[in-house]
Each structure stands twice: as C-alpha cells, then as structure tokens.
C-alpha cells in the first residue's frame, strides 16, 4: 500500500478538482430549501454529483424516497466507512442549520476517498440522510438495515465553534391533542368542554415541573390548533413538543413525567387527550468515537484550521446521528462558519451558511473527514482502537451495539 501521505495528497487534489462544483451545489441547495422527506431536488442533485464522480448510486435508499447511497469499492475485502450528508431545511427560515454545507462536506469527503480506493481495502459509502430536523431520516434508514454493513460513520455539522467532540441531547418529538365539546362561549358555556384549556393546563403543569428537573432537561412546545373563533368553545386543540435531556435514560424519565402532565390536564379539564410519541423522531444522545474524532481534528489542524477545546457547558441540541453512534463508532464534529455566539436556527446563521468563508471552512472540514476515512481504511490499528472503545462502552451500557438497534 502506498504511504498514507501520498494517498492524502491525491485525495485533497481530487476535492480541489471538484471545488467549484461543490460550492455551486451547496449554494443551489441553500437557494432551494426543502423540508424533511421532501428534499427531492437536493437528493437528486447530490446523487447525480456522486455518479459523475464515479460512484454507483442507489436512489430511494433503504426505502426512504429522498435518501441515497453511493458506493466505491477498494482493491479487496475490508471495512466499510460511511460519510453522511444532510440536506433538509427548516420551515419558514430555510437553511438556518447549514445543512447545505453538511451536504457538500459529506460529498467532498466521499469524492476524495474515491480517488484513492484503488489502493485501499474495503469500501467508502456516501449516504444521503434526509429529514434530520425532526423526521429521523437516519433512524428510518437504520431500522431498514441501511447501516448493517457499515463499520464506522462520519459527518460534520456547521456551528459558530470548531469542535472535535461534543455530545447532544436525547430527544423525543411529541404531539398532544385534546378533544372537548363545542358550545357558544357566551350563551351556553356550561354546555361546552374547552379543549384549549387542556393545552393551557399542560403548559402550566410543565412549568410547575421545571423546578424539579435537572438543568440539562428541555421541554418546549407550541400550540398548532387552538380553536376557530373567540365565541366558540374549542372542541379540538393540538400542540407539538420536544422533550430532551443529556442522556437517554433521564430523557425517558422526563418524557413519562411530561405525558403525566398532559393526562393530568385532561382529568382537570374534563377533556380527552391523545399523546403521540413519534418513534423515528426519538433521537438518542450522541456518543462520539474518541479515536476517530481525534484523527479528524489532527487533520483539520494540519490544514490550518484550529480546533477549539470543548467546554463542559457546551450548548447543544439533538441529532439523529446519536442513534447511529449507539450502534457503530461514529463522529459528529463541528466546523465554525459564523462568528462565535451566532445562534443556530436563526436568519443570521442561515445567511452565514452561504458566505465564502463558510464554504471554505466546510471544504476544509470535508477534506479532514476524507483523510480520517482513508486512515480508517488504511490503518487497521485505528479501526481497532475505535471498535475497542465502542465495545467497552457497550459493556458499560453507554451504547447498544448493532444487535439491539
């Protein structure tokens, strides 16, 4: 096998050859935001790009319409390393989470590794994972067996800080619906049962519960239906919630307490309640692989991008990459594309995700991921270290492993 430095140089050159196309692709996705499971244009553009780079591409991968997978095999048997892309947008504010950049970081890394697969064992897989913003595309692909042959998975997320390792909050998306009885709110209020009161009482119960929650717990919701006119007692009201915590076990405890709040609200208001916990939107906390994360950070620093130290009180959200990390060694580092402190899911972050500096930083992060993927294929010791750490965590109950996915 050629020295790793030679493979690295060729991979970086391959990414540079596709630089203009990758930037144009990211900006096109940014200009054309599509919601989860509706990313038909973005998925097709990314799949076509991979085909042009020599990948064998499966569309509607694992039975998910807007997922894809591109494969490039090496010179013989070996591990399969997957680099993942996301490309769904947020409602109303577009790519305010920078998934247009996640899309090309995954593709760039795949293109770089593909250029040297003739000298490597195993396989590189570029997997397009839709609907991260609450739809759980990775969860759907995982359940359908789409990661069964993958030994390690990697992706990168844009941020206002560059970090090699950071966790995420375990999370569940929940719909809560109340039904009551309509009546004239002035003439016959005693004949009605107010479904909106069920929602309001749930909010009040949750607020009363907060004092007894750990500081890492988050329970937040919106009212999506609260009636049609002020003079009609609502017979139907609905809300959407997210219930989160730093680890899966405590998050499930908070979820059960939240459901009790809704059920208690129904009892208090005389309404009936339906609570729906969306299975694919139940995200587990991210458990990043230390050996792979550190290798990515080393390569990124070598490309001239400094990596910050992770703070004990890092702000964090949730990701379905957490579910993948509980099954196989995985990484989910962060690359700064906006001034520090710029909030995610904001118009400021959306605008930053299309700037020249963001695109340059994303390409550097993608290059570092390509080099880390090459090392996983070329150095059995690195893959062994990742698997040994994962097995220890499995024995400690931190991750589950493939058999219990």
Protein backbone atom coordinates (compact mmCIF):
# COMPACT_ATOMS: atom_id res chain seq x y z
CA UNK A 1 0.00 0.00 0.00
CA UNK A 2 1.38 3.49 -0.82
CA UNK A 3 2.36 5.73 2.11
CA UNK A 4 -0.63 7.46 3.68
CA UNK A 5 0.82 10.87 2.85
CA UNK A 6 0.65 10.05 -0.84
CA UNK A 7 -2.94 8.89 -0.56
CA UNK A 8 -3.82 12.02 1.39
CA UNK A 9 -2.31 14.32 -1.23
CA UNK A 10 -4.23 12.64 -4.03
CA UNK A 11 -7.48 12.81 -2.07
CA UNK A 12 -7.05 16.51 -1.37
CA UNK A 13 -6.26 17.15 -5.03
CA UNK A 14 -9.44 15.32 -6.07
CA UNK A 15 -11.54 17.50 -3.78
CA UNK A 16 -9.85 20.62 -5.14
CA UNK A 17 -10.68 19.50 -8.69
CA UNK A 18 -14.36 19.44 -7.72
CA UNK A 19 -14.21 22.64 -5.67
CA UNK A 20 -16.27 24.85 -7.96
CA UNK A 21 -18.91 22.19 -8.46
CA UNK A 22 -19.19 21.56 -4.71
CA UNK A 23 -19.61 25.26 -3.95
CA UNK A 24 -22.22 25.68 -6.66
CA UNK A 25 -24.08 22.63 -5.35
CA UNK A 26 -24.13 23.98 -1.79
CA UNK A 27 -25.40 27.38 -2.88
CA UNK A 28 -28.07 25.80 -5.07
CA UNK A 29 -29.34 23.75 -2.12
CA UNK A 30 -29.24 26.89 0.03
CA UNK A 31 -31.36 28.79 -2.52
CA UNK A 32 -33.86 25.93 -2.77
CA UNK A 33 -34.79 24.92 0.79
CA UNK A 34 -36.86 21.75 1.09
CA UNK A 35 -38.40 20.32 4.25
CA UNK A 36 -37.72 16.84 5.62
CA UNK A 37 -38.71 13.95 3.35
CA UNK A 38 -39.48 16.49 0.62
CA UNK A 39 -35.85 17.12 -0.42
CA UNK A 40 -36.36 15.64 -3.87
CA UNK A 41 -34.27 18.19 -5.74
CA UNK A 42 -31.39 18.21 -3.27
CA UNK A 43 -31.26 14.40 -3.12
CA UNK A 44 -31.22 14.15 -6.90
CA UNK A 45 -28.54 16.83 -7.29
CA UNK A 46 -26.30 15.11 -4.74
CA UNK A 47 -26.86 11.64 -6.21
CA UNK A 48 -26.10 12.93 -9.72
CA UNK A 49 -22.93 14.63 -8.47
CA UNK A 50 -21.72 11.37 -6.95
CA UNK A 51 -22.47 9.46 -10.14
CA UNK A 52 -20.39 11.99 -12.03
CA UNK A 53 -17.53 11.29 -9.63
CA UNK A 54 -17.67 7.55 -10.31
CA UNK A 55 -19.94 6.22 -7.57
CA UNK A 56 -22.57 3.53 -8.01
CA UNK A 57 -25.66 5.22 -6.60
CA UNK A 58 -28.87 3.78 -5.18
CA UNK A 59 -31.75 6.24 -5.04
CA UNK A 60 -34.59 5.89 -2.52
CA UNK A 61 -32.07 4.02 -0.38
CA UNK A 62 -33.46 1.71 2.32
CA UNK A 63 -36.97 2.51 1.14
CA UNK A 64 -36.70 6.21 2.03
CA UNK A 65 -37.66 8.29 -1.00
CA UNK A 66 -35.19 11.13 -0.51
CA UNK A 67 -32.28 9.04 0.76
CA UNK A 68 -29.46 7.78 -1.45
CA UNK A 69 -26.28 5.78 -1.17
CA UNK A 70 -23.19 5.92 -3.37
CA UNK A 71 -20.57 3.17 -3.11
CA UNK A 72 -16.98 2.88 -4.28
CA UNK A 73 -15.17 -0.39 -3.59
CA UNK A 74 -11.47 -0.83 -2.95
CA UNK A 75 -8.96 -3.42 -4.05
CA UNK A 76 -10.18 -6.13 -1.71
CA UNK A 77 -12.13 -7.01 1.42
CA UNK A 78 -12.07 -4.58 4.30
CA UNK A 79 -14.21 -2.27 6.42
CA UNK A 80 -16.94 -0.01 5.09
CA UNK A 81 -16.72 3.62 6.15
CA UNK A 82 -19.76 5.82 5.58
CA UNK A 83 -19.70 9.61 5.21
CA UNK A 84 -23.13 11.13 5.68
CA UNK A 85 -24.88 14.17 4.25
CA UNK A 86 -27.96 16.05 5.40
CA UNK A 87 -29.89 18.49 3.20
CA UNK A 88 -33.28 19.28 4.72
CA UNK A 89 -34.21 22.83 5.66
CA UNK A 90 -36.23 24.44 8.42
CA UNK A 91 -39.78 25.69 7.93
CA UNK A 92 -40.04 29.43 7.23
CA UNK A 93 -36.33 30.27 7.57
CA UNK A 94 -34.67 27.84 5.16
CA UNK A 95 -31.14 26.54 5.71
CA UNK A 96 -30.71 28.13 9.13
CA UNK A 97 -28.96 24.99 10.36
CA UNK A 98 -26.49 24.94 7.48
CA UNK A 99 -27.47 21.59 6.01
CA UNK A 100 -26.44 22.88 2.58
CA UNK A 101 -22.91 22.71 3.98
CA UNK A 102 -23.37 19.29 5.60
CA UNK A 103 -24.45 18.08 2.17
CA UNK A 104 -21.21 19.03 0.45
CA UNK A 105 -18.91 18.10 3.34
CA UNK A 106 -20.10 14.52 3.01
CA UNK A 107 -19.87 14.52 -0.77
CA UNK A 108 -16.45 16.20 -0.78
CA UNK A 109 -15.06 13.61 1.62
CA UNK A 110 -16.50 10.79 -0.45
CA UNK A 111 -15.00 12.18 -3.66
CA UNK A 112 -11.60 12.47 -2.01
CA UNK A 113 -11.60 8.90 -0.72
CA UNK A 114 -12.96 7.58 -4.03
CA UNK A 115 -9.86 8.91 -5.78
CA UNK A 116 -7.60 6.50 -3.85
CA UNK A 117 -9.85 3.48 -3.33
CA UNK A 118 -7.81 1.54 -5.87
CA UNK A 119 -5.03 1.41 -3.28
CA UNK A 120 -7.24 0.71 -0.27
CA UNK A 121 -9.19 -2.27 1.05
CA UNK A 122 -12.86 -2.02 1.91
CA UNK A 123 -15.44 0.45 0.71
CA UNK A 124 -16.43 4.10 1.02
CA UNK A 125 -20.17 4.77 1.17
CA UNK A 126 -21.71 8.23 0.74
CA UNK A 127 -25.14 8.08 2.37
CA UNK A 128 -27.69 10.85 2.00
CA UNK A 129 -29.83 11.06 5.13
CA UNK A 130 -32.96 13.23 4.89
CA UNK A 131 -35.21 14.82 7.48
CA UNK A 132 -32.79 15.36 10.34
CA UNK A 133 -34.91 18.28 11.55
CA UNK A 134 -37.35 16.12 13.46
CA UNK A 135 -38.12 13.45 10.88
CA UNK A 136 -35.38 10.98 11.82
CA UNK A 137 -34.12 10.01 8.38
CA UNK A 138 -31.14 8.20 9.84
CA UNK A 139 -33.42 6.32 12.23
CA UNK A 140 -35.59 5.17 9.32
CA UNK A 141 -32.54 4.04 7.32
CA UNK A 142 -31.08 2.29 10.38
CA UNK A 143 -34.31 0.39 11.04
CA UNK A 144 -34.47 -0.67 7.39
CA UNK A 145 -30.97 -2.19 7.61
CA UNK A 146 -29.23 0.60 5.71
CA UNK A 147 -26.26 0.62 8.10
CA UNK A 148 -25.95 -3.14 8.54
CA UNK A 149 -22.73 -3.34 6.50
CA UNK A 150 -21.19 -0.11 7.81
CA UNK A 151 -18.30 -0.31 10.29
CA UNK A 152 -17.92 3.40 11.08
CA UNK A 153 -19.88 6.54 10.19
CA UNK A 154 -18.85 10.17 9.96
CA UNK A 155 -20.44 13.56 9.38
CA UNK A 156 -19.73 17.19 10.24
CA UNK A 157 -22.09 19.94 11.37
CA UNK A 158 -21.65 23.70 10.93
CA UNK A 159 -21.53 25.82 14.08
CA UNK A 160 -20.02 29.01 15.45
CA UNK A 161 -17.28 26.92 17.12
CA UNK A 162 -14.95 24.28 15.70
CA UNK A 163 -15.07 21.23 17.97
CA UNK A 164 -13.84 17.67 17.54
CA UNK A 165 -16.15 16.12 20.12
CA UNK A 166 -19.42 17.27 21.59
CA UNK A 167 -22.42 15.31 22.74
CA UNK A 168 -26.07 16.02 22.01
CA UNK A 169 -29.35 15.86 23.87
CA UNK A 170 -31.54 12.78 23.65
CA UNK A 171 -34.90 13.94 22.34
CA UNK A 172 -38.47 12.90 21.52
CA UNK A 173 -40.97 14.76 19.35
CA UNK A 174 -44.47 14.51 20.77
CA UNK A 175 -47.91 15.56 19.51
CA UNK A 176 -50.54 16.26 22.17
CA UNK A 177 -54.19 16.62 21.10
CA UNK A 178 -57.19 17.39 23.29
CA UNK A 179 -60.85 16.93 22.43
CA UNK A 180 -63.77 18.55 24.20
CA UNK A 181 -67.24 19.76 23.25
CA UNK A 182 -68.12 22.90 21.29
CA UNK A 183 -70.67 25.38 22.60
CA UNK A 184 -71.50 29.09 22.40
CA UNK A 185 -68.91 30.71 24.63
CA UNK A 186 -71.30 33.42 25.85
CA UNK A 187 -74.79 31.91 25.74
CA UNK A 188 -74.05 28.31 26.77
CA UNK A 189 -70.52 28.00 28.18
CA UNK A 190 -71.74 25.43 30.70
CA UNK A 191 -72.61 23.09 27.81
CA UNK A 192 -69.07 23.05 26.47
CA UNK A 193 -65.78 21.35 27.30
CA UNK A 194 -62.81 23.50 26.35
CA UNK A 195 -60.09 21.55 24.54
CA UNK A 196 -57.82 24.58 24.58
CA UNK A 197 -57.92 24.52 28.38
CA UNK A 198 -56.30 21.09 28.14
CA UNK A 199 -53.37 22.56 26.23
CA UNK A 200 -53.03 25.56 28.53
CA UNK A 201 -53.17 23.36 31.61
CA UNK A 202 -50.45 21.14 30.11
CA UNK A 203 -48.20 24.18 29.67
CA UNK A 204 -48.87 25.20 33.26
CA UNK A 205 -48.17 21.69 34.53
CA UNK A 206 -44.89 21.56 32.60
CA UNK A 207 -43.87 24.94 34.00
CA UNK A 208 -44.61 23.65 37.52
CA UNK A 209 -42.48 20.57 36.80
CA UNK A 210 -39.41 22.51 35.63
CA UNK A 211 -38.13 23.26 39.15
CA UNK A 212 -37.76 19.54 39.77
CA UNK A 213 -35.89 18.81 36.51
CA UNK A 214 -32.15 18.53 36.03
CA UNK A 215 -30.53 21.56 34.43
CA UNK A 216 -29.89 19.68 31.17
CA UNK A 217 -33.59 18.88 30.60
CA UNK A 218 -35.54 20.83 27.99
CA UNK A 219 -39.32 20.69 27.47
CA UNK A 220 -40.65 23.11 24.88
CA UNK A 221 -43.80 23.26 22.79
CA UNK A 222 -46.06 25.27 20.52
CA UNK A 223 -49.83 25.37 20.04
CA UNK A 224 -50.74 24.36 16.50
CA UNK A 225 -54.53 24.50 16.85
CA UNK A 226 -56.49 26.38 19.49
CA UNK A 227 -59.93 27.00 18.08
CA UNK A 228 -61.51 28.94 15.24
CA UNK A 229 -63.40 31.82 16.90
CA UNK A 230 -63.45 33.52 20.29
CA UNK A 231 -67.18 32.90 20.72
CA UNK A 232 -66.91 29.14 20.21
CA UNK A 233 -65.57 26.90 22.95
CA UNK A 234 -62.93 24.83 21.10
CA UNK A 235 -63.72 21.14 20.79
CA UNK A 236 -60.23 20.41 19.48
CA UNK A 237 -56.78 21.76 20.32
CA UNK A 238 -53.33 20.49 19.42
CA UNK A 239 -49.71 21.15 20.26
CA UNK A 240 -46.24 19.91 19.32
CA UNK A 241 -43.50 19.34 21.85
CA UNK A 242 -39.85 18.39 22.13
CA UNK A 243 -38.67 16.65 25.29
CA UNK A 244 -34.89 16.48 25.76
CA UNK A 245 -32.15 15.62 28.23
CA UNK A 246 -28.45 14.88 28.24
CA UNK A 247 -28.81 11.10 28.35
CA UNK A 248 -31.41 8.71 27.02
CA UNK A 249 -32.38 7.19 30.37
CA UNK A 250 -33.17 10.52 32.01
CA UNK A 251 -34.85 11.79 28.85
CA UNK A 252 -37.26 8.87 29.01
CA UNK A 253 -38.00 9.71 32.64
CA UNK A 254 -38.76 13.31 31.70
CA UNK A 255 -40.91 12.10 28.81
CA UNK A 256 -43.00 9.95 31.14
CA UNK A 257 -43.45 12.88 33.50
CA UNK A 258 -44.46 15.08 30.57
CA UNK A 259 -47.09 12.56 29.46
CA UNK A 260 -48.42 12.55 33.03
CA UNK A 261 -48.75 16.34 32.81
CA UNK A 262 -50.92 16.00 29.69
CA UNK A 263 -53.01 13.23 31.20
CA UNK A 264 -53.49 15.23 34.38
CA UNK A 265 -54.55 18.23 32.30
CA UNK A 266 -57.22 16.10 30.65
CA UNK A 267 -58.54 14.99 34.02
CA UNK A 268 -58.57 18.55 35.34
CA UNK A 269 -60.43 19.98 32.31
CA UNK A 270 -62.79 17.13 31.52
CA UNK A 271 -61.26 16.68 28.08
CA UNK A 272 -59.81 13.60 26.45
CA UNK A 273 -56.17 13.55 25.37
CA UNK A 274 -54.14 11.71 22.73
CA UNK A 275 -50.36 11.70 23.13
CA UNK A 276 -48.29 10.56 20.13
CA UNK A 277 -44.56 9.99 20.60
CA UNK A 278 -43.00 9.84 17.13
CA UNK A 279 -40.72 6.82 17.03
CA UNK A 280 -38.42 7.93 14.21
CA UNK A 281 -38.08 11.33 15.86
CA UNK A 282 -36.82 9.83 19.12
CA UNK A 283 -33.14 10.78 18.99
CA UNK A 284 -30.54 9.28 21.28
CA UNK A 285 -27.67 11.31 22.68
CA UNK A 286 -24.52 11.43 20.58
CA UNK A 287 -21.59 9.31 21.79
CA UNK A 288 -18.65 10.29 19.55
CA UNK A 289 -15.76 7.93 18.86
CA UNK A 290 -12.66 9.35 20.52
CA UNK A 291 -10.01 7.82 18.19
CA UNK A 292 -11.80 8.90 15.00
CA UNK A 293 -12.70 12.36 16.33
CA UNK A 294 -9.11 12.97 17.37
CA UNK A 295 -7.83 11.87 13.96
CA UNK A 296 -10.26 14.26 12.23
CA UNK A 297 -9.10 17.10 14.50
CA UNK A 298 -5.45 16.34 13.77
CA UNK A 299 -6.06 16.51 10.03
CA UNK A 300 -8.13 19.69 10.29
CA UNK A 301 -5.37 21.38 12.28
CA UNK A 302 -2.91 20.21 9.64
CA UNK A 303 -4.99 22.02 7.05
CA UNK A 304 -4.62 25.24 9.02
CA UNK A 305 -7.98 25.28 10.86
CA UNK A 306 -7.62 25.43 14.65
CA UNK A 307 -9.82 23.19 16.78
CA UNK A 308 -11.24 24.62 20.00
CA UNK A 309 -11.36 22.84 23.34
CA UNK A 310 -14.79 21.51 24.24
CA UNK A 311 -16.31 23.34 27.20
CA UNK A 312 -18.05 21.39 29.99
CA UNK A 313 -21.16 23.53 29.44
CA UNK A 314 -21.36 23.50 25.65
CA UNK A 315 -24.77 24.46 24.32
CA UNK A 316 -26.27 21.65 22.29
CA UNK A 317 -29.35 20.42 20.50
CA UNK A 318 -30.28 16.97 19.23
CA UNK A 319 -29.43 14.87 16.19
CA UNK A 320 -30.41 11.50 14.77
CA UNK A 321 -26.68 10.86 14.37
CA UNK A 322 -26.92 9.98 18.05
CA UNK A 323 -28.86 6.85 17.10
CA UNK A 324 -26.10 5.83 14.69
CA UNK A 325 -23.43 6.42 17.34
CA UNK A 326 -25.18 3.96 19.65
CA UNK A 327 -24.83 1.20 17.03
CA UNK A 328 -21.42 1.76 15.37
CA UNK A 329 -18.41 4.00 16.03
CA UNK A 330 -19.38 7.46 14.75
CA UNK A 331 -18.29 11.08 14.81
CA UNK A 332 -20.22 14.35 14.57
CA UNK A 333 -17.68 17.19 14.93
CA UNK A 334 -18.42 20.86 14.32
CA UNK A 335 -16.89 23.44 11.98
CA UNK A 336 -17.20 27.18 12.62
CA UNK A 337 -18.91 29.00 9.75
CA UNK A 338 -20.22 32.05 11.65
CA UNK A 339 -18.98 34.41 14.36
CA UNK A 340 -18.87 32.76 17.78
CA UNK A 341 -22.19 33.05 19.55
CA UNK A 342 -24.29 33.19 16.37
CA UNK A 343 -27.40 31.17 17.27
CA UNK A 344 -28.34 28.20 15.16
CA UNK A 345 -31.81 28.11 13.64
CA UNK A 346 -31.65 31.87 13.07
CA UNK A 347 -31.67 34.05 9.96
CA UNK A 348 -28.14 35.15 10.89
CA UNK A 349 -26.91 31.56 10.76
CA UNK A 350 -28.84 30.94 7.53
CA UNK A 351 -27.15 33.90 5.87
CA UNK A 352 -23.74 32.84 7.19
CA UNK A 353 -24.18 29.38 5.63
CA UNK A 354 -23.87 30.89 2.13
CA UNK A 355 -20.81 33.08 2.69
CA UNK A 356 -17.43 32.43 1.04
CA UNK A 357 -15.79 31.84 4.43
CA UNK A 358 -18.39 29.26 5.41
CA UNK A 359 -17.87 27.41 2.15
CA UNK A 360 -14.08 27.44 2.55
CA UNK A 361 -14.30 26.16 6.11
CA UNK A 362 -16.78 23.46 5.08
CA UNK A 363 -14.45 22.24 2.33
CA UNK A 364 -11.54 22.12 4.78
CA UNK A 365 -13.66 20.10 7.22
CA UNK A 366 -14.69 17.76 4.40
CA UNK A 367 -11.05 17.29 3.45
CA UNK A 368 -10.18 16.39 7.04
CA UNK A 369 -13.01 13.86 7.04
CA UNK A 370 -11.69 12.32 3.81
CA UNK A 371 -8.24 11.93 5.36
CA UNK A 372 -9.69 10.37 8.52
CA UNK A 373 -11.73 7.95 6.40
CA UNK A 374 -8.61 6.97 4.43
CA UNK A 375 -6.80 6.31 7.70
CA UNK A 376 -9.65 4.07 8.91
CA UNK A 377 -9.31 2.00 5.73
CA UNK A 378 -5.52 2.07 5.55
CA UNK A 379 -4.62 1.63 9.24
CA UNK A 380 -6.15 -1.43 10.91
CA UNK A 381 -4.92 -0.10 14.26
CA UNK A 382 -7.18 2.98 14.03
CA UNK A 383 -10.29 0.95 13.26
CA UNK A 384 -9.31 -1.49 16.01
CA UNK A 385 -9.00 1.36 18.53
CA UNK A 386 -12.42 2.70 17.56
CA UNK A 387 -14.03 -0.73 17.85
CA UNK A 388 -12.33 -1.48 21.17
CA UNK A 389 -13.58 1.79 22.66
CA UNK A 390 -17.06 1.06 21.31
CA UNK A 391 -17.07 -2.44 22.80
CA UNK A 392 -16.01 -1.10 26.19
CA UNK A 393 -18.83 1.43 26.06
CA UNK A 394 -21.25 -1.33 25.09
CA UNK A 395 -20.18 -3.39 28.08
CA UNK A 396 -20.68 -0.31 30.26
CA UNK A 397 -24.18 0.25 28.86
CA UNK A 398 -23.27 3.56 27.20
CA UNK A 399 -24.01 2.29 23.67
CA UNK A 400 -26.14 -0.59 22.46
CA UNK A 401 -24.33 -2.20 19.55
CA UNK A 402 -25.78 -3.48 16.33
CA UNK A 403 -27.69 -6.43 17.75
CA UNK A 404 -30.05 -4.26 19.81
CA UNK A 405 -30.54 -1.38 17.36
